[in-house]
Amino acid sequence: MVEHEYDWLRFWIHFICGALLGGLLGIGSWLRYWQPDHSPLLWIGGCALAVGLVAGIWGDRFWERFLEDVRWFRW
């Protein structure tokens, strides 16, 4: 049985791109649902970390589904 070595470089590339996307989504949601008691650092950082981890773990499958879901959106 051959065990495949995990590709950490690919993980970090997906994680960084996902964290940037999560940061943008976090900024947008923080501005939309802003309240005086919400910490922007925690809100935006939490979104960036969550999306970064999901993108890093699932990699290309995450990006395919993400792009499939936003294809209908008209810029």
PDB file of N, CA and C in Angstrom:
ATOM      1  N   MET A   1       0.850  -1.181   0.000  1.00  0.00           N
ATOM      2  CA  MET A   1       0.000   0.000   0.000  1.00  0.00           C
ATOM      3  C   MET A   1       0.893   1.242   0.000  1.00  0.00           C
ATOM      4  N   VAL A   2       0.678   2.114  -0.969  1.00  0.00           N
ATOM      5  CA  VAL A   2       1.490   3.309  -1.112  1.00  0.00           C
ATOM      6  C   VAL A   2       0.756   4.485  -0.484  1.00  0.00           C
ATOM      7  N   GLU A   3       1.416   5.149   0.431  1.00  0.00           N
ATOM      8  CA  GLU A   3       0.845   6.345   1.051  1.00  0.00           C
ATOM      9  C   GLU A   3       1.332   7.566   0.291  1.00  0.00           C
ATOM     10  N   HIS A   4       0.412   8.425  -0.085  1.00  0.00           N
ATOM     11  CA  HIS A   4       0.786   9.643  -0.801  1.00  0.00           C
ATOM     12  C   HIS A   4       1.162  10.724   0.200  1.00  0.00           C
ATOM     13  N   GLU A   5       2.242  11.390  -0.090  1.00  0.00           N
ATOM     14  CA  GLU A   5       2.685  12.479   0.765  1.00  0.00           C
ATOM     15  C   GLU A   5       1.790  13.693   0.523  1.00  0.00           C
ATOM     16  N   TYR A   6       1.405  14.356   1.592  1.00  0.00           N
ATOM     17  CA  TYR A   6       0.524  15.522   1.483  1.00  0.00           C
ATOM     18  C   TYR A   6       1.306  16.692   0.893  1.00  0.00           C
ATOM     19  N   ASP A   7       0.697  17.406  -0.027  1.00  0.00           N
ATOM     20  CA  ASP A   7       1.349  18.526  -0.699  1.00  0.00           C
ATOM     21  C   ASP A   7       1.097  19.809   0.101  1.00  0.00           C
ATOM     22  N   TRP A   8       2.050  20.152   0.962  1.00  0.00           N
ATOM     23  CA  TRP A   8       1.892  21.319   1.831  1.00  0.00           C
ATOM     24  C   TRP A   8       1.972  22.627   1.070  1.00  0.00           C
ATOM     25  N   LEU A   9       2.761  22.686   0.011  1.00  0.00           N
ATOM     26  CA  LEU A   9       2.838  23.914  -0.778  1.00  0.00           C
ATOM     27  C   LEU A   9       1.475  24.241  -1.382  1.00  0.00           C
ATOM     28  N   ARG A  10       0.838  23.228  -1.918  1.00  0.00           N
ATOM     29  CA  ARG A  10      -0.492  23.421  -2.505  1.00  0.00           C
ATOM     30  C   ARG A  10      -1.498  23.845  -1.420  1.00  0.00           C
ATOM     31  N   PHE A  11      -1.408  23.247  -0.228  1.00  0.00           N
ATOM     32  CA  PHE A  11      -2.280  23.628   0.883  1.00  0.00           C
ATOM     33  C   PHE A  11      -2.122  25.107   1.207  1.00  0.00           C
ATOM     34  N   TRP A  12      -0.879  25.572   1.337  1.00  0.00           N
ATOM     35  CA  TRP A  12      -0.648  26.963   1.723  1.00  0.00           C
ATOM     36  C   TRP A  12      -1.084  27.937   0.641  1.00  0.00           C
ATOM     37  N   ILE A  13      -0.935  27.568  -0.614  1.00  0.00           N
ATOM     38  CA  ILE A  13      -1.413  28.441  -1.699  1.00  0.00           C
ATOM     39  C   ILE A  13      -2.927  28.577  -1.624  1.00  0.00           C
ATOM     40  N   HIS A  14      -3.621  27.453  -1.464  1.00  0.00           N
ATOM     41  CA  HIS A  14      -5.085  27.491  -1.346  1.00  0.00           C
ATOM     42  C   HIS A  14      -5.506  28.229  -0.074  1.00  0.00           C
ATOM     43  N   PHE A  15      -4.780  28.021   1.024  1.00  0.00           N
ATOM     44  CA  PHE A  15      -5.116  28.674   2.280  1.00  0.00           C
ATOM     45  C   PHE A  15      -4.988  30.191   2.156  1.00  0.00           C
ATOM     46  N   ILE A  16      -3.896  30.670   1.577  1.00  0.00           N
ATOM     47  CA  ILE A  16      -3.677  32.115   1.462  1.00  0.00           C
ATOM     48  C   ILE A  16      -4.721  32.748   0.557  1.00  0.00           C
ATOM     49  N   CYS A  17      -5.002  32.124  -0.576  1.00  0.00           N
ATOM     50  CA  CYS A  17      -6.028  32.674  -1.472  1.00  0.00           C
ATOM     51  C   CYS A  17      -7.406  32.644  -0.805  1.00  0.00           C
ATOM     52  N   GLY A  18      -7.706  31.565  -0.092  1.00  0.00           N
ATOM     53  CA  GLY A  18      -8.972  31.482   0.624  1.00  0.00           C
ATOM     54  C   GLY A  18      -9.064  32.494   1.746  1.00  0.00           C
ATOM     55  N   ALA A  19      -7.945  32.739   2.436  1.00  0.00           N
ATOM     56  CA  ALA A  19      -7.951  33.732   3.518  1.00  0.00           C
ATOM     57  C   ALA A  19      -8.171  35.133   2.955  1.00  0.00           C
ATOM     58  N   LEU A  20      -7.604  35.432   1.805  1.00  0.00           N
ATOM     59  CA  LEU A  20      -7.855  36.736   1.174  1.00  0.00           C
ATOM     60  C   LEU A  20      -9.323  36.878   0.796  1.00  0.00           C
ATOM     61  N   LEU A  21      -9.884  35.827   0.212  1.00  0.00           N
ATOM     62  CA  LEU A  21     -11.308  35.844  -0.120  1.00  0.00           C
ATOM     63  C   LEU A  21     -12.147  35.984   1.146  1.00  0.00           C
ATOM     64  N   GLY A  22     -11.800  35.227   2.185  1.00  0.00           N
ATOM     65  CA  GLY A  22     -12.530  35.305   3.445  1.00  0.00           C
ATOM     66  C   GLY A  22     -12.428  36.679   4.083  1.00  0.00           C
ATOM     67  N   GLY A  23     -11.272  37.319   3.960  1.00  0.00           N
ATOM     68  CA  GLY A  23     -11.115  38.675   4.474  1.00  0.00           C
ATOM     69  C   GLY A  23     -12.029  39.654   3.766  1.00  0.00           C
ATOM     70  N   LEU A  24     -12.116  39.531   2.445  1.00  0.00           N
ATOM     71  CA  LEU A  24     -13.023  40.407   1.688  1.00  0.00           C
ATOM     72  C   LEU A  24     -14.483  40.152   2.060  1.00  0.00           C
ATOM     73  N   LEU A  25     -14.843  38.880   2.173  1.00  0.00           N
ATOM     74  CA  LEU A  25     -16.217  38.557   2.580  1.00  0.00           C
ATOM     75  C   LEU A  25     -16.479  39.016   4.009  1.00  0.00           C
ATOM     76  N   GLY A  26     -15.465  38.920   4.871  1.00  0.00           N
ATOM     77  CA  GLY A  26     -15.609  39.375   6.250  1.00  0.00           C
ATOM     78  C   GLY A  26     -15.797  40.877   6.337  1.00  0.00           C
ATOM     79  N   ILE A  27     -15.047  41.623   5.533  1.00  0.00           N
ATOM     80  CA  ILE A  27     -15.211  43.081   5.514  1.00  0.00           C
ATOM     81  C   ILE A  27     -16.623  43.442   5.060  1.00  0.00           C
ATOM     82  N   GLY A  28     -17.079  42.784   3.989  1.00  0.00           N
ATOM     83  CA  GLY A  28     -18.424  43.069   3.485  1.00  0.00           C
ATOM     84  C   GLY A  28     -19.508  42.741   4.488  1.00  0.00           C
ATOM     85  N   SER A  29     -19.393  41.591   5.148  1.00  0.00           N
ATOM     86  CA  SER A  29     -20.427  41.222   6.116  1.00  0.00           C
ATOM     87  C   SER A  29     -20.339  42.074   7.378  1.00  0.00           C
ATOM     88  N   TRP A  30     -19.123  42.462   7.768  1.00  0.00           N
ATOM     89  CA  TRP A  30     -18.995  43.325   8.945  1.00  0.00           C
ATOM     90  C   TRP A  30     -19.616  44.695   8.679  1.00  0.00           C
ATOM     91  N   LEU A  31     -19.384  45.231   7.489  1.00  0.00           N
ATOM     92  CA  LEU A  31     -19.975  46.529   7.154  1.00  0.00           C
ATOM     93  C   LEU A  31     -21.496  46.439   7.059  1.00  0.00           C
ATOM     94  N   ARG A  32     -21.981  45.326   6.547  1.00  0.00           N
ATOM     95  CA  ARG A  32     -23.424  45.180   6.392  1.00  0.00           C
ATOM     96  C   ARG A  32     -24.133  45.000   7.734  1.00  0.00           C
ATOM     97  N   TYR A  33     -23.538  44.217   8.624  1.00  0.00           N
ATOM     98  CA  TYR A  33     -24.178  43.908   9.905  1.00  0.00           C
ATOM     99  C   TYR A  33     -23.488  44.604  11.068  1.00  0.00           C
ATOM    100  N   TRP A  34     -22.914  45.765  10.840  1.00  0.00           N
ATOM    101  CA  TRP A  34     -22.141  46.473  11.853  1.00  0.00           C
ATOM    102  C   TRP A  34     -22.997  46.842  13.049  1.00  0.00           C
ATOM    103  N   GLN A  35     -22.433  46.607  14.231  1.00  0.00           N
ATOM    104  CA  GLN A  35     -23.007  47.047  15.490  1.00  0.00           C
ATOM    105  C   GLN A  35     -21.845  47.503  16.362  1.00  0.00           C
ATOM    106  N   PRO A  36     -22.071  48.438  17.264  1.00  0.00           N
ATOM    107  CA  PRO A  36     -20.965  48.973  18.064  1.00  0.00           C
ATOM    108  C   PRO A  36     -20.203  47.928  18.878  1.00  0.00           C
ATOM    109  N   ASP A  37     -20.844  46.836  19.255  1.00  0.00           N
ATOM    110  CA  ASP A  37     -20.152  45.854  20.085  1.00  0.00           C
ATOM    111  C   ASP A  37     -19.440  44.760  19.285  1.00  0.00           C
ATOM    112  N   HIS A  38     -19.470  44.813  17.957  1.00  0.00           N
ATOM    113  CA  HIS A  38     -18.782  43.824  17.126  1.00  0.00           C
ATOM    114  C   HIS A  38     -17.347  44.265  16.869  1.00  0.00           C
ATOM    115  N   SER A  39     -16.411  43.398  17.155  1.00  0.00           N
ATOM    116  CA  SER A  39     -15.000  43.690  16.908  1.00  0.00           C
ATOM    117  C   SER A  39     -14.666  43.396  15.445  1.00  0.00           C
ATOM    118  N   PRO A  40     -14.185  44.386  14.701  1.00  0.00           N
ATOM    119  CA  PRO A  40     -13.873  44.124  13.288  1.00  0.00           C
ATOM    120  C   PRO A  40     -12.727  43.130  13.116  1.00  0.00           C
ATOM    121  N   LEU A  41     -11.746  43.179  14.001  1.00  0.00           N
ATOM    122  CA  LEU A  41     -10.617  42.259  13.881  1.00  0.00           C
ATOM    123  C   LEU A  41     -11.071  40.816  14.080  1.00  0.00           C
ATOM    124  N   LEU A  42     -11.896  40.585  15.070  1.00  0.00           N
ATOM    125  CA  LEU A  42     -12.391  39.236  15.321  1.00  0.00           C
ATOM    126  C   LEU A  42     -13.314  38.770  14.201  1.00  0.00           C
ATOM    127  N   TRP A  43     -14.195  39.642  13.747  1.00  0.00           N
ATOM    128  CA  TRP A  43     -15.163  39.300  12.702  1.00  0.00           C
ATOM    129  C   TRP A  43     -14.450  38.982  11.391  1.00  0.00           C
ATOM    130  N   ILE A  44     -13.597  39.890  10.926  1.00  0.00           N
ATOM    131  CA  ILE A  44     -12.904  39.725   9.648  1.00  0.00           C
ATOM    132  C   ILE A  44     -11.869  38.604   9.741  1.00  0.00           C
ATOM    133  N   GLY A  45     -11.140  38.557  10.856  1.00  0.00           N
ATOM    134  CA  GLY A  45     -10.147  37.497  11.042  1.00  0.00           C
ATOM    135  C   GLY A  45     -10.771  36.127  11.121  1.00  0.00           C
ATOM    136  N   GLY A  46     -11.917  36.017  11.773  1.00  0.00           N
ATOM    137  CA  GLY A  46     -12.623  34.739  11.849  1.00  0.00           C
ATOM    138  C   GLY A  46     -13.090  34.260  10.491  1.00  0.00           C
ATOM    139  N   CYS A  47     -13.626  35.175   9.692  1.00  0.00           N
ATOM    140  CA  CYS A  47     -14.048  34.811   8.331  1.00  0.00           C
ATOM    141  C   CYS A  47     -12.850  34.399   7.482  1.00  0.00           C
ATOM    142  N   ALA A  48     -11.755  35.140   7.588  1.00  0.00           N
ATOM    143  CA  ALA A  48     -10.561  34.821   6.807  1.00  0.00           C
ATOM    144  C   ALA A  48     -10.001  33.460   7.211  1.00  0.00           C
ATOM    145  N   LEU A  49      -9.949  33.182   8.495  1.00  0.00           N
ATOM    146  CA  LEU A  49      -9.441  31.895   8.965  1.00  0.00           C
ATOM    147  C   LEU A  49     -10.343  30.746   8.527  1.00  0.00           C
ATOM    148  N   ALA A  50     -11.646  30.930   8.653  1.00  0.00           N
ATOM    149  CA  ALA A  50     -12.580  29.863   8.294  1.00  0.00           C
ATOM    150  C   ALA A  50     -12.508  29.537   6.806  1.00  0.00           C
ATOM    151  N   VAL A  51     -12.567  30.558   5.959  1.00  0.00           N
ATOM    152  CA  VAL A  51     -12.530  30.307   4.515  1.00  0.00           C
ATOM    153  C   VAL A  51     -11.146  29.803   4.105  1.00  0.00           C
ATOM    154  N   GLY A  52     -10.098  30.311   4.730  1.00  0.00           N
ATOM    155  CA  GLY A  52      -8.753  29.835   4.430  1.00  0.00           C
ATOM    156  C   GLY A  52      -8.580  28.367   4.744  1.00  0.00           C
ATOM    157  N   LEU A  53      -9.083  27.930   5.887  1.00  0.00           N
ATOM    158  CA  LEU A  53      -8.979  26.514   6.246  1.00  0.00           C
ATOM    159  C   LEU A  53      -9.798  25.632   5.317  1.00  0.00           C
ATOM    160  N   VAL A  54     -10.997  26.067   4.992  1.00  0.00           N
ATOM    161  CA  VAL A  54     -11.825  25.277   4.075  1.00  0.00           C
ATOM    162  C   VAL A  54     -11.155  25.178   2.707  1.00  0.00           C
ATOM    163  N   ALA A  55     -10.628  26.292   2.206  1.00  0.00           N
ATOM    164  CA  ALA A  55      -9.958  26.273   0.908  1.00  0.00           C
ATOM    165  C   ALA A  55      -8.681  25.443   0.962  1.00  0.00           C
ATOM    166  N   GLY A  56      -7.952  25.515   2.050  1.00  0.00           N
ATOM    167  CA  GLY A  56      -6.719  24.751   2.166  1.00  0.00           C
ATOM    168  C   GLY A  56      -6.963  23.259   2.252  1.00  0.00           C
ATOM    169  N   ILE A  57      -7.989  22.866   2.982  1.00  0.00           N
ATOM    170  CA  ILE A  57      -8.266  21.439   3.171  1.00  0.00           C
ATOM    171  C   ILE A  57      -8.870  20.823   1.920  1.00  0.00           C
ATOM    172  N   TRP A  58      -9.859  21.482   1.325  1.00  0.00           N
ATOM    173  CA  TRP A  58     -10.531  20.899   0.173  1.00  0.00           C
ATOM    174  C   TRP A  58      -9.960  21.359  -1.158  1.00  0.00           C
ATOM    175  N   GLY A  59      -9.122  22.344  -1.187  1.00  0.00           N
ATOM    176  CA  GLY A  59      -8.371  22.735  -2.376  1.00  0.00           C
ATOM    177  C   GLY A  59      -9.211  23.029  -3.600  1.00  0.00           C
ATOM    178  N   ASP A  60      -8.898  22.329  -4.683  1.00  0.00           N
ATOM    179  CA  ASP A  60      -9.548  22.594  -5.965  1.00  0.00           C
ATOM    180  C   ASP A  60     -11.047  22.345  -5.916  1.00  0.00           C
ATOM    181  N   ARG A  61     -11.480  21.384  -5.117  1.00  0.00           N
ATOM    182  CA  ARG A  61     -12.926  21.129  -5.007  1.00  0.00           C
ATOM    183  C   ARG A  61     -13.656  22.338  -4.447  1.00  0.00           C
ATOM    184  N   PHE A  62     -13.046  23.031  -3.476  1.00  0.00           N
ATOM    185  CA  PHE A  62     -13.650  24.239  -2.916  1.00  0.00           C
ATOM    186  C   PHE A  62     -13.777  25.317  -3.982  1.00  0.00           C
ATOM    187  N   TRP A  63     -12.695  25.555  -4.722  1.00  0.00           N
ATOM    188  CA  TRP A  63     -12.711  26.623  -5.723  1.00  0.00           C
ATOM    189  C   TRP A  63     -13.666  26.318  -6.862  1.00  0.00           C
ATOM    190  N   GLU A  64     -13.782  25.059  -7.274  1.00  0.00           N
ATOM    191  CA  GLU A  64     -14.747  24.700  -8.313  1.00  0.00           C
ATOM    192  C   GLU A  64     -16.165  24.991  -7.854  1.00  0.00           C
ATOM    193  N   ARG A  65     -16.493  24.588  -6.622  1.00  0.00           N
ATOM    194  CA  ARG A  65     -17.840  24.833  -6.103  1.00  0.00           C
ATOM    195  C   ARG A  65     -18.097  26.328  -5.889  1.00  0.00           C
ATOM    196  N   PHE A  66     -17.087  27.036  -5.404  1.00  0.00           N
ATOM    197  CA  PHE A  66     -17.251  28.473  -5.177  1.00  0.00           C
ATOM    198  C   PHE A  66     -17.520  29.190  -6.490  1.00  0.00           C
ATOM    199  N   LEU A  67     -16.734  28.906  -7.515  1.00  0.00           N
ATOM    200  CA  LEU A  67     -16.912  29.559  -8.801  1.00  0.00           C
ATOM    201  C   LEU A  67     -18.207  29.125  -9.471  1.00  0.00           C
ATOM    202  N   GLU A  68     -18.624  27.893  -9.244  1.00  0.00           N
ATOM    203  CA  GLU A  68     -19.891  27.416  -9.771  1.00  0.00           C
ATOM    204  C   GLU A  68     -21.056  28.171  -9.134  1.00  0.00           C
ATOM    205  N   ASP A  69     -20.947  28.445  -7.838  1.00  0.00           N
ATOM    206  CA  ASP A  69     -22.024  29.129  -7.126  1.00  0.00           C
ATOM    207  C   ASP A  69     -22.094  30.615  -7.450  1.00  0.00           C
ATOM    208  N   VAL A  70     -20.979  31.257  -7.762  1.00  0.00           N
ATOM    209  CA  VAL A  70     -21.015  32.692  -8.049  1.00  0.00           C
ATOM    210  C   VAL A  70     -21.132  32.974  -9.539  1.00  0.00           C
ATOM    211  N   ARG A  71     -21.179  31.936 -10.363  1.00  0.00           N
ATOM    212  CA  ARG A  71     -21.280  32.153 -11.811  1.00  0.00           C
ATOM    213  C   ARG A  71     -22.559  32.868 -12.182  1.00  0.00           C
ATOM    214  N   TRP A  72     -23.649  32.613 -11.456  1.00  0.00           N
ATOM    215  CA  TRP A  72     -24.920  33.237 -11.742  1.00  0.00           C
ATOM    216  C   TRP A  72     -24.940  34.712 -11.383  1.00  0.00           C
ATOM    217  N   PHE A  73     -24.041  35.116 -10.502  1.00  0.00           N
ATOM    218  CA  PHE A  73     -24.017  36.495 -10.014  1.00  0.00           C
ATOM    219  C   PHE A  73     -23.512  37.418 -11.116  1.00  0.00           C
ATOM    220  N   ARG A  74     -24.246  38.451 -11.374  1.00  0.00           N
ATOM    221  CA  ARG A  74     -23.839  39.400 -12.435  1.00  0.00           C
ATOM    222  C   ARG A  74     -23.145  40.593 -11.789  1.00  0.00           C
ATOM    223  N   TRP A  75     -21.899  40.770 -12.150  1.00  0.00           N
ATOM    224  CA  TRP A  75     -21.099  41.863 -11.604  1.00  0.00           C
ATOM    225  C   TRP A  75     -21.612  43.122 -12.206  1.00  0.00           C
TER     226      TRP A  75
END
